[in-house]
C-alpha atoms as a PDB file:
ATOM      1  CA  MET A   1      16.419 -12.725  32.054  1.00  0.00           C
ATOM      2  CA  SER A   2      13.000 -14.376  32.123  1.00  0.00           C
ATOM      3  CA  ASN A   3      10.145 -12.870  30.813  1.00  0.00           C
ATOM      4  CA  THR A   4       8.093 -14.449  33.581  1.00  0.00           C
ATOM      5  CA  ASN A   5       8.272 -14.973  37.203  1.00  0.00           C
ATOM      6  CA  LYS A   6       7.831 -18.138  39.218  1.00  0.00           C
ATOM      7  CA  HIS A   7       4.322 -17.745  39.322  1.00  0.00           C
ATOM      8  CA  GLY A   8       4.204 -17.345  35.784  1.00  0.00           C
ATOM      9  CA  LEU A   9       3.353 -13.939  36.195  1.00  0.00           C
ATOM     10  CA  SER A  10       4.699 -11.556  32.511  1.00  0.00           C
ATOM     11  CA  ARG A  11       7.229  -8.898  32.939  1.00  0.00           C
ATOM     12  CA  TYR A  12       4.368  -6.860  30.476  1.00  0.00           C
ATOM     13  CA  ILE A  13       2.124  -4.490  32.511  1.00  0.00           C
ATOM     14  CA  PRO A  14      -1.267  -4.238  31.162  1.00  0.00           C
ATOM     15  CA  ALA A  15      -1.550  -0.236  29.855  1.00  0.00           C
ATOM     16  CA  ASP A  16      -3.960   0.371  32.160  1.00  0.00           C
ATOM     17  CA  ILE A  17      -2.144  -0.589  35.238  1.00  0.00           C
ATOM     18  CA  GLU A  18       0.799   1.222  34.109  1.00  0.00           C
ATOM     19  CA  ARG A  19      -1.500   4.659  33.559  1.00  0.00           C
ATOM     20  CA  ASP A  20      -2.835   4.054  37.224  1.00  0.00           C
ATOM     21  CA  VAL A  21       0.783   3.771  38.575  1.00  0.00           C
ATOM     22  CA  ARG A  22       2.165   6.893  36.661  1.00  0.00           C
ATOM     23  CA  VAL A  23      -0.866   8.991  37.866  1.00  0.00           C
ATOM     24  CA  ARG A  24      -0.705   7.600  41.480  1.00  0.00           C
ATOM     25  CA  SER A  25       3.225   8.707  41.382  1.00  0.00           C
ATOM     26  CA  LYS A  26       2.430  12.070  39.569  1.00  0.00           C
ATOM     27  CA  PHE A  27       4.201  11.012  36.737  1.00  0.00           C
ATOM     28  CA  GLY A  28       7.499  10.757  38.477  1.00  0.00           C
ATOM     29  CA  CYS A  29      10.092   8.843  40.814  1.00  0.00           C
ATOM     30  CA  VAL A  30       8.105   8.945  44.437  1.00  0.00           C
ATOM     31  CA  PHE A  31      11.529   9.940  46.411  1.00  0.00           C
ATOM     32  CA  CYS A  32      13.556  12.490  43.695  1.00  0.00           C
ATOM     33  CA  ARG A  33      10.481  13.304  41.183  1.00  0.00           C
ATOM     34  CA  SER A  34      12.700  12.425  38.131  1.00  0.00           C
ATOM     35  CA  ALA A  35      10.555  11.953  35.105  1.00  0.00           C
ATOM     36  CA  ILE A  36      12.792   9.065  33.534  1.00  0.00           C
ATOM     37  CA  TYR A  37      11.406   6.219  35.483  1.00  0.00           C
ATOM     38  CA  GLN A  38      10.831   2.563  35.981  1.00  0.00           C
ATOM     39  CA  TYR A  39       8.053   0.557  37.156  1.00  0.00           C
ATOM     40  CA  GLU A  40       9.063  -1.129  40.732  1.00  0.00           C
ATOM     41  CA  HIS A  41       6.793  -3.866  42.535  1.00  0.00           C
ATOM     42  CA  ILE A  42       7.189  -2.904  46.052  1.00  0.00           C
ATOM     43  CA  ILE A  43       5.762  -5.837  48.307  1.00  0.00           C
ATOM     44  CA  PRO A  44       5.784  -8.569  47.195  1.00  0.00           C
ATOM     45  CA  GLU A  45       8.772  -8.026  44.756  1.00  0.00           C
ATOM     46  CA  PHE A  46       7.991  -8.906  41.060  1.00  0.00           C
ATOM     47  CA  ASN A  47       9.596 -13.026  41.677  1.00  0.00           C
ATOM     48  CA  ASP A  48       7.199 -13.080  44.025  1.00  0.00           C
ATOM     49  CA  ALA A  49       3.840 -11.255  42.646  1.00  0.00           C
ATOM     50  CA  THR A  50       0.907 -13.110  41.447  1.00  0.00           C
ATOM     51  CA  GLU A  51      -0.306  -9.959  39.778  1.00  0.00           C
ATOM     52  CA  HIS A  52       0.391  -6.367  38.781  1.00  0.00           C
ATOM     53  CA  SER A  53      -1.497  -3.850  40.963  1.00  0.00           C
ATOM     54  CA  SER A  54      -1.024  -0.336  41.103  1.00  0.00           C
ATOM     55  CA  GLU A  55      -1.614  -0.544  44.740  1.00  0.00           C
ATOM     56  CA  HIS A  56       1.645  -2.252  45.494  1.00  0.00           C
ATOM     57  CA  MET A  57       3.686  -0.282  42.651  1.00  0.00           C
ATOM     58  CA  CYS A  58       5.170   2.786  42.026  1.00  0.00           C
ATOM     59  CA  LEU A  59       7.401   5.005  39.677  1.00  0.00           C
ATOM     60  CA  LEU A  60      11.249   4.618  40.856  1.00  0.00           C
ATOM     61  CA  CYS A  61      13.688   6.606  38.611  1.00  0.00           C
ATOM     62  CA  GLY A  62      17.136   4.276  38.234  1.00  0.00           C
ATOM     63  CA  ARG A  63      19.079   5.644  40.844  1.00  0.00           C
ATOM     64  CA  CYS A  64      16.306   5.464  43.422  1.00  0.00           C
ATOM     65  CA  HIS A  65      15.615   1.883  42.004  1.00  0.00           C
ATOM     66  CA  ASP A  66      19.452   0.829  42.571  1.00  0.00           C
ATOM     67  CA  LYS A  67      19.739   2.132  46.305  1.00  0.00           C
ATOM     68  CA  VAL A  68      16.659  -0.225  46.698  1.00  0.00           C
ATOM     69  CA  THR A  69      18.118  -3.156  45.314  1.00  0.00           C
ATOM     70  CA  LYS A  70      21.013  -2.659  47.136  1.00  0.00           C
ATOM     71  CA  GLY A  71      18.806  -2.023  50.246  1.00  0.00           C
ATOM     72  CA  GLN A  72      20.013   1.589  50.847  1.00  0.00           C
ATOM     73  CA  ILE A  73      16.511   2.498  51.051  1.00  0.00           C
ATOM     74  CA  SER A  74      13.840  -0.117  52.442  1.00  0.00           C
ATOM     75  CA  LYS A  75      10.707  -1.257  50.848  1.00  0.00           C
ATOM     76  CA  ASP A  76       8.943   0.423  53.937  1.00  0.00           C
ATOM     77  CA  SER A  77      10.518   3.685  53.124  1.00  0.00           C
ATOM     78  CA  VAL A  78       9.297   3.374  49.555  1.00  0.00           C
ATOM     79  CA  ARG A  79       5.914   2.136  50.747  1.00  0.00           C
ATOM     80  CA  ARG A  80       5.559   5.389  52.902  1.00  0.00           C
ATOM     81  CA  GLN A  81       6.599   7.802  50.212  1.00  0.00           C
ATOM     82  CA  TYR A  82       4.130   6.167  47.591  1.00  0.00           C
ATOM     83  CA  GLU A  83       1.387   6.738  50.248  1.00  0.00           C
ATOM     84  CA  LYS A  84       2.565  10.099  50.775  1.00  0.00           C
ATOM     85  CA  VAL A  85       2.915  11.338  47.187  1.00  0.00           C
ATOM     86  CA  GLN A  86      -0.644  10.652  46.437  1.00  0.00           C
ATOM     87  CA  THR A  87      -2.045  12.796  49.021  1.00  0.00           C
ATOM     88  CA  ASP A  88       0.346  15.624  48.497  1.00  0.00           C
ATOM     89  CA  ALA A  89      -1.349  18.506  46.676  1.00  0.00           C
ATOM     90  CA  ASN A  90       1.641  20.304  46.358  1.00  0.00           C
ATOM     91  CA  ILE A  91       3.923  17.609  45.156  1.00  0.00           C
ATOM     92  CA  LYS A  92       7.275  18.947  43.073  1.00  0.00           C
ATOM     93  CA  ARG A  93       6.427  18.737  39.524  1.00  0.00           C
ATOM     94  CA  PRO A  94       7.903  15.398  37.498  1.00  0.00           C
ATOM     95  CA  PHE A  95      11.593  16.882  35.567  1.00  0.00           C
ATOM     96  CA  ASP A  96      14.425  16.169  33.707  1.00  0.00           C
ATOM     97  CA  ASP A  97      17.089  18.029  31.567  1.00  0.00           C
ATOM     98  CA  LEU A  98      17.459  18.538  27.951  1.00  0.00           C
ATOM     99  CA  VAL A  99      20.663  17.405  26.946  1.00  0.00           C
ATOM    100  CA  LEU A 100      20.995  19.824  23.939  1.00  0.00           C
ATOM    101  CA  ASP A 101      24.751  20.656  23.617  1.00  0.00           C
ATOM    102  CA  SER A 102      24.805  22.705  20.007  1.00  0.00           C
ATOM    103  CA  GLN A 103      25.221  26.500  19.603  1.00  0.00           C
ATOM    104  CA  SER A 104      22.049  26.702  17.600  1.00  0.00           C
ATOM    105  CA  LEU A 105      18.824  24.850  18.354  1.00  0.00           C
ATOM    106  CA  THR A 106      16.253  23.465  15.778  1.00  0.00           C
ATOM    107  CA  VAL A 107      12.449  23.077  16.700  1.00  0.00           C
ATOM    108  CA  VAL A 108      10.012  21.310  14.706  1.00  0.00           C
ATOM    109  CA  LEU A 109       6.499  22.075  14.614  1.00  0.00           C
ATOM    110  CA  GLY A 110       4.704  19.346  12.296  1.00  0.00           C
ATOM    111  CA  SER A 111       6.396  19.677   9.113  1.00  0.00           C
ATOM    112  CA  SER A 112       7.611  23.484   9.759  1.00  0.00           C
ATOM    113  CA  ILE A 113      11.020  23.956  10.663  1.00  0.00           C
ATOM    114  CA  PHE A 114      12.914  26.750  12.378  1.00  0.00           C
ATOM    115  CA  HIS A 115      16.492  26.564  12.797  1.00  0.00           C
ATOM    116  CA  GLY A 116      18.660  28.936  15.515  1.00  0.00           C
ATOM    117  CA  ALA A 117      15.501  30.827  15.936  1.00  0.00           C
ATOM    118  CA  ARG A 118      15.772  33.377  18.737  1.00  0.00           C
ATOM    119  CA  THR A 119      12.553  33.330  19.777  1.00  0.00           C
ATOM    120  CA  LEU A 120      10.237  30.435  18.358  1.00  0.00           C
ATOM    121  CA  ILE A 121       7.140  31.647  19.882  1.00  0.00           C
ATOM    122  CA  GLU A 122       5.803  35.365  20.577  1.00  0.00           C
ATOM    123  CA  ILE A 123       2.503  36.156  21.756  1.00  0.00           C
ATOM    124  CA  ASP A 124       1.740  39.517  22.612  1.00  0.00           C
ATOM    125  CA  GLY A 125       5.298  40.670  22.615  1.00  0.00           C
ATOM    126  CA  ASP A 126       5.833  37.875  25.645  1.00  0.00           C
ATOM    127  CA  ALA A 127       8.368  35.264  24.437  1.00  0.00           C
ATOM    128  CA  VAL A 128       6.552  31.788  25.225  1.00  0.00           C
ATOM    129  CA  LEU A 129       9.311  29.847  24.144  1.00  0.00           C
ATOM    130  CA  ALA A 130      12.649  31.333  23.381  1.00  0.00           C
ATOM    131  CA  ILE A 131      16.380  30.368  22.882  1.00  0.00           C
ATOM    132  CA  GLU A 132      18.461  31.977  25.757  1.00  0.00           C
ATOM    133  CA  PRO A 133      22.336  32.502  25.060  1.00  0.00           C
ATOM    134  CA  PRO A 134      24.687  30.708  27.320  1.00  0.00           C
ATOM    135  CA  GLU A 135      25.242  32.336  30.864  1.00  0.00           C
ATOM    136  CA  ASP A 136      26.505  30.934  34.257  1.00  0.00           C
ATOM    137  CA  GLY A 137      29.781  29.308  32.664  1.00  0.00           C
ATOM    138  CA  MET A 138      27.501  27.346  30.161  1.00  0.00           C
ATOM    139  CA  SER A 139      28.948  26.636  26.693  1.00  0.00           C
ATOM    140  CA  PHE A 140      25.659  26.516  24.599  1.00  0.00           C
ATOM    141  CA  PRO A 141      22.450  28.117  24.492  1.00  0.00           C
ATOM    142  CA  THR A 142      19.410  27.050  26.171  1.00  0.00           C
ATOM    143  CA  ILE A 143      15.717  26.922  25.719  1.00  0.00           C
ATOM    144  CA  SER A 144      12.757  28.065  27.883  1.00  0.00           C
ATOM    145  CA  GLY A 145       9.187  29.007  27.500  1.00  0.00           C
ATOM    146  CA  GLU A 146       5.992  26.405  27.771  1.00  0.00           C
ATOM    147  CA  PHE A 147       3.395  24.617  25.655  1.00  0.00           C
ATOM    148  CA  SER A 148      -0.306  24.771  27.217  1.00  0.00           C
ATOM    149  CA  ASP A 149      -3.415  23.027  25.707  1.00  0.00           C
ATOM    150  CA  GLU A 150      -6.424  23.960  23.788  1.00  0.00           C
ATOM    151  CA  ASN A 151      -8.075  25.860  27.003  1.00  0.00           C
ATOM    152  CA  GLY A 152      -4.765  27.726  27.673  1.00  0.00           C
ATOM    153  CA  GLU A 153      -3.805  25.795  30.722  1.00  0.00           C
ATOM    154  CA  GLU A 154      -0.218  24.837  30.725  1.00  0.00           C
ATOM    155  CA  LEU A 155       0.935  21.225  29.926  1.00  0.00           C
ATOM    156  CA  PHE A 156       4.538  21.548  29.953  1.00  0.00           C
ATOM    157  CA  ARG A 157       7.248  24.285  31.053  1.00  0.00           C
ATOM    158  CA  ILE A 158      11.386  24.087  30.016  1.00  0.00           C
ATOM    159  CA  GLU A 159      13.269  26.741  32.303  1.00  0.00           C
ATOM    160  CA  ARG A 160      16.849  27.082  30.891  1.00  0.00           C
ATOM    161  CA  ASN A 161      16.923  23.200  29.350  1.00  0.00           C
ATOM    162  CA  VAL A 162      15.050  21.822  32.386  1.00  0.00           C
ATOM    163  CA  TRP A 163      11.518  20.309  31.469  1.00  0.00           C
ATOM    164  CA  SER A 164       8.753  19.511  34.163  1.00  0.00           C
ATOM    165  CA  GLY A 165       5.220  18.809  33.156  1.00  0.00           C
ATOM    166  CA  ARG A 166       2.135  19.330  35.533  1.00  0.00           C
ATOM    167  CA  PRO A 167       1.449  16.308  38.156  1.00  0.00           C
ATOM    168  CA  ASP A 168      -2.430  16.555  37.660  1.00  0.00           C
ATOM    169  CA  VAL A 169      -2.478  15.766  33.429  1.00  0.00           C
ATOM    170  CA  TRP A 170      -4.803  13.207  32.853  1.00  0.00           C
ATOM    171  CA  ASP A 171      -1.748  11.007  31.451  1.00  0.00           C
ATOM    172  CA  MET A 172       2.060  11.756  30.759  1.00  0.00           C
ATOM    173  CA  LYS A 173       3.841   8.917  29.809  1.00  0.00           C
ATOM    174  CA  VAL A 174       8.000   9.167  28.745  1.00  0.00           C
ATOM    175  CA  GLU A 175       9.543   6.321  27.012  1.00  0.00           C
ATOM    176  CA  GLY A 176      12.651   6.707  24.815  1.00  0.00           C
ATOM    177  CA  LYS A 177      13.097  10.207  23.538  1.00  0.00           C
ATOM    178  CA  GLU A 178       9.295  10.860  23.419  1.00  0.00           C
ATOM    179  CA  ILE A 179       7.140  12.946  25.802  1.00  0.00           C
ATOM    180  CA  VAL A 180       3.438  12.037  25.336  1.00  0.00           C
ATOM    181  CA  ILE A 181       0.967  13.896  27.524  1.00  0.00           C
ATOM    182  CA  ARG A 182      -2.756  13.240  27.112  1.00  0.00           C
ATOM    183  CA  SER A 183      -6.192  15.254  28.156  1.00  0.00           C
ATOM    184  CA  ALA A 184      -8.533  12.442  28.053  1.00  0.00           C
ATOM    185  CA  PRO A 185      -8.741   9.064  26.958  1.00  0.00           C
ATOM    186  CA  GLY A 186      -7.046   8.892  23.424  1.00  0.00           C
ATOM    187  CA  LYS A 187      -6.769  12.399  22.865  1.00  0.00           C
ATOM    188  CA  VAL A 188      -3.027  14.026  22.775  1.00  0.00           C
ATOM    189  CA  ALA A 189      -2.513  17.150  23.609  1.00  0.00           C
ATOM    190  CA  LEU A 190       1.448  17.293  23.216  1.00  0.00           C
ATOM    191  CA  LYS A 191       3.821  14.762  21.710  1.00  0.00           C
ATOM    192  CA  LEU A 192       7.696  16.080  21.929  1.00  0.00           C
ATOM    193  CA  ILE A 193      10.512  14.313  20.527  1.00  0.00           C
ATOM    194  CA  ILE A 194      13.962  14.932  21.794  1.00  0.00           C
ATOM    195  CA  GLU A 195      16.861  14.526  19.698  1.00  0.00           C
ATOM    196  CA  PRO A 196      19.914  15.428  21.096  1.00  0.00           C
ATOM    197  CA  PRO A 197      22.287  17.366  20.713  1.00  0.00           C
ATOM    198  CA  ASN A 198      20.469  20.238  19.119  1.00  0.00           C
ATOM    199  CA  ARG A 199      16.723  19.489  18.080  1.00  0.00           C
ATOM    200  CA  ILE A 200      13.066  19.044  19.400  1.00  0.00           C
ATOM    201  CA  VAL A 201      10.485  17.785  17.512  1.00  0.00           C
ATOM    202  CA  VAL A 202       6.621  18.634  18.082  1.00  0.00           C
ATOM    203  CA  GLU A 203       4.322  15.982  16.709  1.00  0.00           C
ATOM    204  CA  ARG A 204       1.455  16.873  18.363  1.00  0.00           C
ATOM    205  CA  LEU A 205       0.045  20.204  19.689  1.00  0.00           C
ATOM    206  CA  ASP A 206      -2.989  21.692  19.899  1.00  0.00           C
ATOM    207  CA  MET A 207      -1.858  25.153  21.700  1.00  0.00           C
ATOM    208  CA  ARG A 208      -3.782  28.105  23.343  1.00  0.00           C
ATOM    209  CA  THR A 209      -2.304  31.323  24.603  1.00  0.00           C
ATOM    210  CA  ARG A 210      -4.622  34.233  25.334  1.00  0.00           C
ATOM    211  CA  SER A 211      -6.121  34.729  21.917  1.00  0.00           C
ATOM    212  CA  ALA A 212      -3.810  32.937  19.904  1.00  0.00           C
ATOM    213  CA  PHE A 213      -3.017  29.650  19.005  1.00  0.00           C
ATOM    214  CA  LEU A 214      -0.948  27.145  17.244  1.00  0.00           C
ATOM    215  CA  ARG A 215      -1.893  23.663  16.367  1.00  0.00           C
ATOM    216  CA  LEU A 216      -0.851  20.799  14.154  1.00  0.00           C
ATOM    217  CA  ARG A 217      -3.219  19.164  11.876  1.00  0.00           C
ATOM    218  CA  LYS A 218      -1.832  16.116   9.522  1.00  0.00           C
ATOM    219  CA  GLY A 219       1.169  17.994  10.191  1.00  0.00           C
ATOM    220  CA  SER A 220       0.926  21.012   9.096  1.00  0.00           C
ATOM    221  CA  LEU A 221       1.507  23.837  11.218  1.00  0.00           C
ATOM    222  CA  GLU A 222      -1.888  26.326  11.665  1.00  0.00           C
ATOM    223  CA  VAL A 223      -1.354  29.695  13.611  1.00  0.00           C
ATOM    224  CA  GLY A 224      -3.872  31.747  14.063  1.00  0.00           C
ATOM    225  CA  ARG A 225      -5.815  34.164  16.514  1.00  0.00           C
ATOM    226  CA  VAL A 226      -9.578  33.787  18.277  1.00  0.00           C
ATOM    227  CA  GLU A 227     -11.809  36.863  18.428  1.00  0.00           C
ATOM    228  CA  ALA A 228     -15.388  37.563  19.882  1.00  0.00           C
ATOM    229  CA  ASP A 229     -16.787  36.954  16.366  1.00  0.00           C
ATOM    230  CA  ALA A 230     -14.198  35.942  14.066  1.00  0.00           C
ATOM    231  CA  GLU A 231     -11.069  33.672  13.612  1.00  0.00           C
ATOM    232  CA  TYR A 232      -8.237  34.117  11.639  1.00  0.00           C
ATOM    233  CA  SER A 233      -5.509  31.367  10.823  1.00  0.00           C
ATOM    234  CA  VAL A 234      -2.672  30.719   8.288  1.00  0.00           C
ATOM    235  CA  GLY A 235      -1.896  27.076   7.527  1.00  0.00           C
ATOM    236  CA  LEU A 236       1.690  25.770   6.428  1.00  0.00           C
ATOM    237  CA  GLU A 237       1.905  22.344   4.724  1.00  0.00           C
ATOM    238  CA  ARG A 238       5.863  23.113   5.180  1.00  0.00           C
ATOM    239  CA  PHE A 239       7.384  26.164   6.168  1.00  0.00           C
ATOM    240  CA  GLU A 240      11.295  26.416   6.971  1.00  0.00           C
ATOM    241  CA  CYS A 241      13.633  29.287   8.156  1.00  0.00           C
ATOM    242  CA  ASP A 242      16.725  29.964   9.413  1.00  0.00           C
ATOM    243  CA  GLY A 243      18.105  32.536  11.979  1.00  0.00           C
ATOM    244  CA  ALA A 244      14.540  34.086  12.555  1.00  0.00           C
ATOM    245  CA  ASP A 245      14.407  36.710  15.309  1.00  0.00           C
ATOM    246  CA  VAL A 246      10.922  34.994  15.832  1.00  0.00           C
ATOM    247  CA  GLY A 247       9.645  32.068  14.622  1.00  0.00           C
ATOM    248  CA  VAL A 248       5.933  32.644  15.095  1.00  0.00           C
ATOM    249  CA  LYS A 249       4.482  35.788  16.162  1.00  0.00           C
ATOM    250  CA  VAL A 250       0.818  36.730  17.417  1.00  0.00           C
ATOM    251  CA  ASP A 251       0.214  40.385  18.156  1.00  0.00           C
ATOM    252  CA  SER A 252      -3.730  41.095  19.480  1.00  0.00           C
ATOM    253  CA  VAL A 253      -2.823  44.148  21.463  1.00  0.00           C
ATOM    254  CA  GLY A 254      -1.407  46.266  18.130  1.00  0.00           C
ATOM    255  CA  VAL A 255      -4.026  44.710  16.119  1.00  0.00           C
ATOM    256  CA  GLN A 256      -7.120  44.505  17.941  1.00  0.00           C
ATOM    257  CA  GLU A 257      -9.370  44.146  15.480  1.00  0.00           C
ATOM    258  CA  PRO A 258      -7.760  41.899  12.900  1.00  0.00           C
ATOM    259  CA  ILE A 259      -8.978  42.507   9.015  1.00  0.00           C
ATOM    260  CA  LEU A 260      -6.940  41.166   6.367  1.00  0.00           C
ATOM    261  CA  LYS A 261      -5.187  43.249   3.961  1.00  0.00           C
ATOM    262  CA  ALA A 262      -2.413  41.658   2.571  1.00  0.00           C
ATOM    263  CA  VAL A 263       0.237  38.546   2.495  1.00  0.00           C
ATOM    264  CA  ARG A 264       3.318  39.870   2.247  1.00  0.00           C
ATOM    265  CA  MET A 265       6.471  37.818   1.790  1.00  0.00           C
ATOM    266  CA  VAL A 266       9.795  39.195   2.026  1.00  0.00           C
ATOM    267  CA  GLY A 267      13.266  37.192   2.104  1.00  0.00           C
ATOM    268  CA  GLY A 268      15.041  38.417   4.704  1.00  0.00           C
ATOM    269  CA  LYS A 269      11.757  39.752   6.713  1.00  0.00           C
ATOM    270  CA  GLY A 270       9.637  36.792   6.582  1.00  0.00           C
ATOM    271  CA  LEU A 271       5.685  36.142   6.001  1.00  0.00           C
ATOM    272  CA  THR A 272       3.271  38.191   7.394  1.00  0.00           C
ATOM    273  CA  LEU A 273      -0.797  38.495   7.177  1.00  0.00           C
ATOM    274  CA  GLU A 274      -1.336  42.487   7.151  1.00  0.00           C
ATOM    275  CA  GLY A 275      -4.018  43.388   9.652  1.00  0.00           C
ATOM    276  CA  THR A 276      -3.935  40.540  11.420  1.00  0.00           C
ATOM    277  CA  GLY A 277      -0.896  40.618  13.626  1.00  0.00           C
ATOM    278  CA  ILE A 278       0.190  37.014  12.750  1.00  0.00           C
ATOM    279  CA  SER A 279       3.791  36.827  11.134  1.00  0.00           C
ATOM    280  CA  LEU A 280       6.588  33.965  10.519  1.00  0.00           C
ATOM    281  CA  GLY A 281       9.869  33.764  10.130  1.00  0.00           C
ATOM    282  CA  THR A 282      10.516  37.492  11.366  1.00  0.00           C
ATOM    283  CA  GLY A 283      13.888  38.510  10.682  1.00  0.00           C
ATOM    284  CA  THR A 284      14.803  35.329   8.645  1.00  0.00           C
ATOM    285  CA  SER A 285      17.890  35.245   6.436  1.00  0.00           C
ATOM    286  CA  ARG A 286      16.260  32.651   4.535  1.00  0.00           C
ATOM    287  CA  MET A 287      12.891  31.155   4.047  1.00  0.00           C
ATOM    288  CA  THR A 288      11.009  28.005   2.228  1.00  0.00           C
ATOM    289  CA  ILE A 289       7.386  27.604   2.033  1.00  0.00           C
ATOM    290  CA  LEU A 290       5.012  25.002   0.711  1.00  0.00           C
ATOM    291  CA  GLY A 291       1.461  25.426   0.335  1.00  0.00           C
ATOM    292  CA  LEU A 292       0.215  28.198   2.261  1.00  0.00           C
ATOM    293  CA  SER A 293      -3.530  28.350   2.872  1.00  0.00           C
ATOM    294  CA  ILE A 294      -5.482  31.531   4.859  1.00  0.00           C
ATOM    295  CA  GLU A 295      -8.539  31.211   6.605  1.00  0.00           C
ATOM    296  CA  HIS A 296     -11.309  33.758   8.085  1.00  0.00           C
ATOM    297  CA  ALA A 297     -13.927  32.136   9.938  1.00  0.00           C
ATOM    298  CA  THR A 298     -17.164  34.011  11.432  1.00  0.00           C
ATOM    299  CA  LYS A 299     -20.370  32.468  12.922  1.00  0.00           C
ATOM    300  CA  ARG A 300     -21.832  33.274   9.573  1.00  0.00           C
ATOM    301  CA  TYR A 301     -19.404  31.722   6.959  1.00  0.00           C
ATOM    302  CA  THR A 302     -15.736  30.683   6.405  1.00  0.00           C
ATOM    303  CA  LYS A 303     -13.591  31.896   3.493  1.00  0.00           C
ATOM    304  CA  ARG A 304     -10.602  30.067   2.636  1.00  0.00           C
ATOM    305  CA  MET A 305      -7.605  30.868   0.360  1.00  0.00           C
ATOM    306  CA  VAL A 306      -4.847  28.880  -0.768  1.00  0.00           C
ATOM    307  CA  PHE A 307      -1.829  29.175  -2.385  1.00  0.00           C
ATOM    308  CA  PRO A 308       0.483  26.506  -3.841  1.00  0.00           C
ATOM    309  CA  LEU A 309       3.573  27.826  -3.378  1.00  0.00           C
ATOM    310  CA  GLN A 310       7.040  26.040  -3.713  1.00  0.00           C
ATOM    311  CA  GLU A 311       9.418  28.862  -3.176  1.00  0.00           C
ATOM    312  CA  ASP A 312      12.251  29.704  -1.604  1.00  0.00           C
ATOM    313  CA  LEU A 313      12.360  33.357  -0.781  1.00  0.00           C
ATOM    314  CA  GLN A 314      15.917  34.373  -0.236  1.00  0.00           C
ATOM    315  CA  GLY A 315      15.558  38.100  -1.302  1.00  0.00           C
ATOM    316  CA  TYR A 316      12.162  37.313  -2.663  1.00  0.00           C
ATOM    317  CA  SER A 317       9.715  39.879  -2.218  1.00  0.00           C
ATOM    318  CA  GLU A 318       5.960  39.857  -3.233  1.00  0.00           C
ATOM    319  CA  ILE A 319       2.531  41.481  -1.861  1.00  0.00           C
ATOM    320  CA  LEU A 320      -0.485  39.450  -2.768  1.00  0.00           C
ATOM    321  CA  PRO A 321      -3.976  40.882  -2.197  1.00  0.00           C
ATOM    322  CA  PRO A 322      -6.593  39.388  -0.048  1.00  0.00           C
ATOM    323  CA  ARG A 323      -9.361  37.648  -2.102  1.00  0.00           C
ATOM    324  CA  ILE A 324     -11.288  36.186   0.801  1.00  0.00           C
END
């Protein structure tokens, strides 16, 4: 296949035109809303085009594109549907299936790895991201939950292995196994990599839900909570656990005024910042921690405590007194 058409126009579409086509198509096929798409020249077709124009291009999934190629959908229908999508305030969210066919799922948050956690993230008793047992004749467990941005606005949702993104974000790009959502030019709010059959990797994250936050900084996972006059967080250069009841847990209801009293690490129970409502690996059978830091910040000062740990904590128990 030639890389140029009869007018010498390259098949390469400039990045700003691609993004404009995605935004106008609201990040999915203009017919079925699949988030796995191709860029379609409507009229003129690519071979007759002299430029890449977002006004005359749209997103089509492979199936709908084939129907257009075979004449089962007319170009006039594509044009009308493209125009309709751009003005539809209640458009269906772009979506796709997660093909995860394993009894045990692994979720990676930066350099932290959670194998077979039943609930990955729990905020104030609510499962924000959870693994659900098979039902309705399904052979494997499914994942459900949502990711939000730094302001607590939802970015990305998974409902029993069907994921969907908001149609009004600044940009969402699906390429190969990667899903990248940007909230502004050069600002990645969320980056996911789907690795079948049993692995989801989160490479970029800056998420807030109520008073809790999770963020990745240079790969390290930070979990914390923000109050009116203070912020507590635990940073993990590397954390790995197996079979946890809850991977990451933040409780701002039971602990309304966080005051760090101690750091408790117990094999089989997890890591707890006593007095703050923050814990990781609750109920795990094994956990490994490398490079633990704890930070307490107020408007007047910031204090940080670092533990250069490298421990496999199966059956391990220790209480460390606070030094901040």
